């Protein structure tokens, strides 16, 4: 019989010995510490991934905001163009057949 078989038959490598060997206080502490380190590392990877995703979303939202700001400026410019006095007067004369009153037909009311 070889040496490993003899040790197994004598109980040196039996299950109780292996469990008692693995479950010594220092080794349990090391195993728990390793699990905590692995969990911490995986948590850090997860948080880093979430941060990158949120930063990408933030940048996209800022680009949309800038685009809308430019569009708002263009709409304000268009509004001021549509409300110009000369344009309003031209539309009133052409479409509504309105005329600007003569100077002597204008009456100023004092308060």
Protein backbone atom coordinates (compact mmCIF):
# COMPACT_ATOMS: atom_id res chain seq x y z
CA UNK A 1 0.00 0.00 0.00
CA UNK A 2 1.34 3.39 -0.81
CA UNK A 3 1.82 6.20 1.71
CA UNK A 4 -1.27 8.20 0.68
CA UNK A 5 -3.54 5.18 1.04
CA UNK A 6 -2.08 4.41 4.47
CA UNK A 7 -2.67 8.00 5.61
CA UNK A 8 -6.24 7.86 4.37
CA UNK A 9 -6.86 4.58 6.20
CA UNK A 10 -5.34 5.96 9.38
CA UNK A 11 -7.65 8.99 9.27
CA UNK A 12 -5.03 11.63 8.60
CA UNK A 13 -6.74 12.65 5.38
CA UNK A 14 -10.24 11.89 6.55
CA UNK A 15 -13.01 14.45 6.21
CA UNK A 16 -12.98 15.44 9.89
CA UNK A 17 -9.29 16.25 9.77
CA UNK A 18 -9.66 18.34 6.62
CA UNK A 19 -12.58 20.30 8.06
CA UNK A 20 -10.80 20.91 11.34
CA UNK A 21 -7.69 21.99 9.47
CA UNK A 22 -9.59 24.36 7.18
CA UNK A 23 -11.68 25.83 9.94
CA UNK A 24 -8.93 27.07 12.18
CA UNK A 25 -9.57 30.55 13.48
CA UNK A 26 -6.81 32.30 11.51
CA UNK A 27 -7.77 30.63 8.27
CA UNK A 28 -11.45 31.51 8.70
CA UNK A 29 -10.42 35.13 9.22
CA UNK A 30 -8.31 35.04 6.07
CA UNK A 31 -11.15 33.51 4.04
CA UNK A 32 -13.60 36.14 5.30
CA UNK A 33 -11.07 38.89 4.56
CA UNK A 34 -10.57 37.57 1.02
CA UNK A 35 -14.34 37.48 0.44
CA UNK A 36 -14.65 41.05 1.69
CA UNK A 37 -11.83 42.19 -0.61
CA UNK A 38 -13.37 40.45 -3.64
CA UNK A 39 -16.78 41.94 -2.83
CA UNK A 40 -15.23 45.39 -2.46
CA UNK A 41 -13.41 45.05 -5.80
CA UNK A 42 -16.57 43.95 -7.60
CA UNK A 43 -18.49 46.81 -6.00
CA UNK A 44 -15.87 49.26 -7.21
CA UNK A 45 -16.13 47.90 -10.76
CA UNK A 46 -19.93 48.25 -10.62
CA UNK A 47 -19.81 51.81 -9.30
CA UNK A 48 -17.22 52.81 -11.91
CA UNK A 49 -19.42 51.40 -14.66
CA UNK A 50 -22.47 53.26 -13.32
CA UNK A 51 -20.46 56.49 -13.10
CA UNK A 52 -19.35 56.20 -16.72
CA UNK A 53 -22.91 55.58 -17.85
CA UNK A 54 -24.21 58.56 -15.90
CA UNK A 55 -21.43 60.80 -17.26
CA UNK A 56 -22.31 59.77 -20.82
CA UNK A 57 -25.96 60.54 -20.13
CA UNK A 58 -25.01 63.91 -18.64
CA UNK A 59 -22.94 64.85 -21.67
CA UNK A 60 -25.76 63.87 -24.02
CA UNK A 61 -28.22 65.95 -22.01
CA UNK A 62 -25.87 68.94 -22.10
CA UNK A 63 -25.57 68.65 -25.89
CA UNK A 64 -29.38 68.59 -26.15
CA UNK A 65 -29.59 71.62 -23.84
CA UNK A 66 -27.11 73.55 -25.99
CA UNK A 67 -29.05 72.65 -29.14
CA UNK A 68 -32.30 73.83 -27.57
CA UNK A 69 -30.63 77.05 -26.42
CA UNK A 70 -29.54 77.78 -30.00
CA UNK A 71 -33.02 76.94 -31.27
CA UNK A 72 -34.57 79.27 -28.67
CA UNK A 73 -32.33 82.12 -29.87
CA UNK A 74 -33.37 81.47 -33.45
CA UNK A 75 -37.05 81.50 -32.46
CA UNK A 76 -36.63 84.82 -30.63
CA UNK A 77 -34.97 86.29 -33.71
CA UNK A 78 -37.79 85.01 -35.90
CA UNK A 79 -40.38 86.46 -33.50
CA UNK A 80 -38.73 89.87 -33.59
CA UNK A 81 -38.67 89.70 -37.40
CA UNK A 82 -42.38 88.87 -37.57
CA UNK A 83 -43.24 91.71 -35.19
CA UNK A 84 -41.35 94.50 -36.97
CA UNK A 85 -43.42 97.68 -37.33
CA UNK A 86 -42.88 97.95 -41.09
CA UNK A 87 -43.98 94.36 -41.67
CA UNK A 88 -47.14 94.76 -39.55
CA UNK A 89 -47.98 97.99 -41.40
CA UNK A 90 -47.44 96.31 -44.78
CA UNK A 91 -49.76 93.41 -43.89
CA UNK A 92 -52.40 95.82 -42.55
CA UNK A 93 -52.33 97.83 -45.77
CA UNK A 94 -52.27 94.86 -48.15
CA UNK A 95 -54.58 92.31 -46.55
CA UNK A 96 -56.90 94.47 -44.42
CA UNK A 97 -57.02 97.54 -46.70
CA UNK A 98 -56.08 99.80 -43.82
CA UNK A 99 -54.48 103.18 -44.38
CA UNK A 100 -52.39 105.37 -42.17
CA UNK A 101 -54.51 108.39 -41.15
CA UNK A 102 -53.58 111.86 -42.32
CA UNK A 103 -52.07 114.22 -39.79
CA UNK A 104 -55.18 116.41 -39.39
CA UNK A 105 -57.50 113.43 -38.83
CA UNK A 106 -55.50 112.22 -35.79
CA UNK A 107 -57.02 113.29 -32.50
CA UNK A 108 -54.88 113.33 -29.35
CA UNK A 109 -56.85 112.82 -26.16
CA UNK A 110 -55.42 114.46 -23.05
CA UNK A 111 -56.01 112.92 -19.69
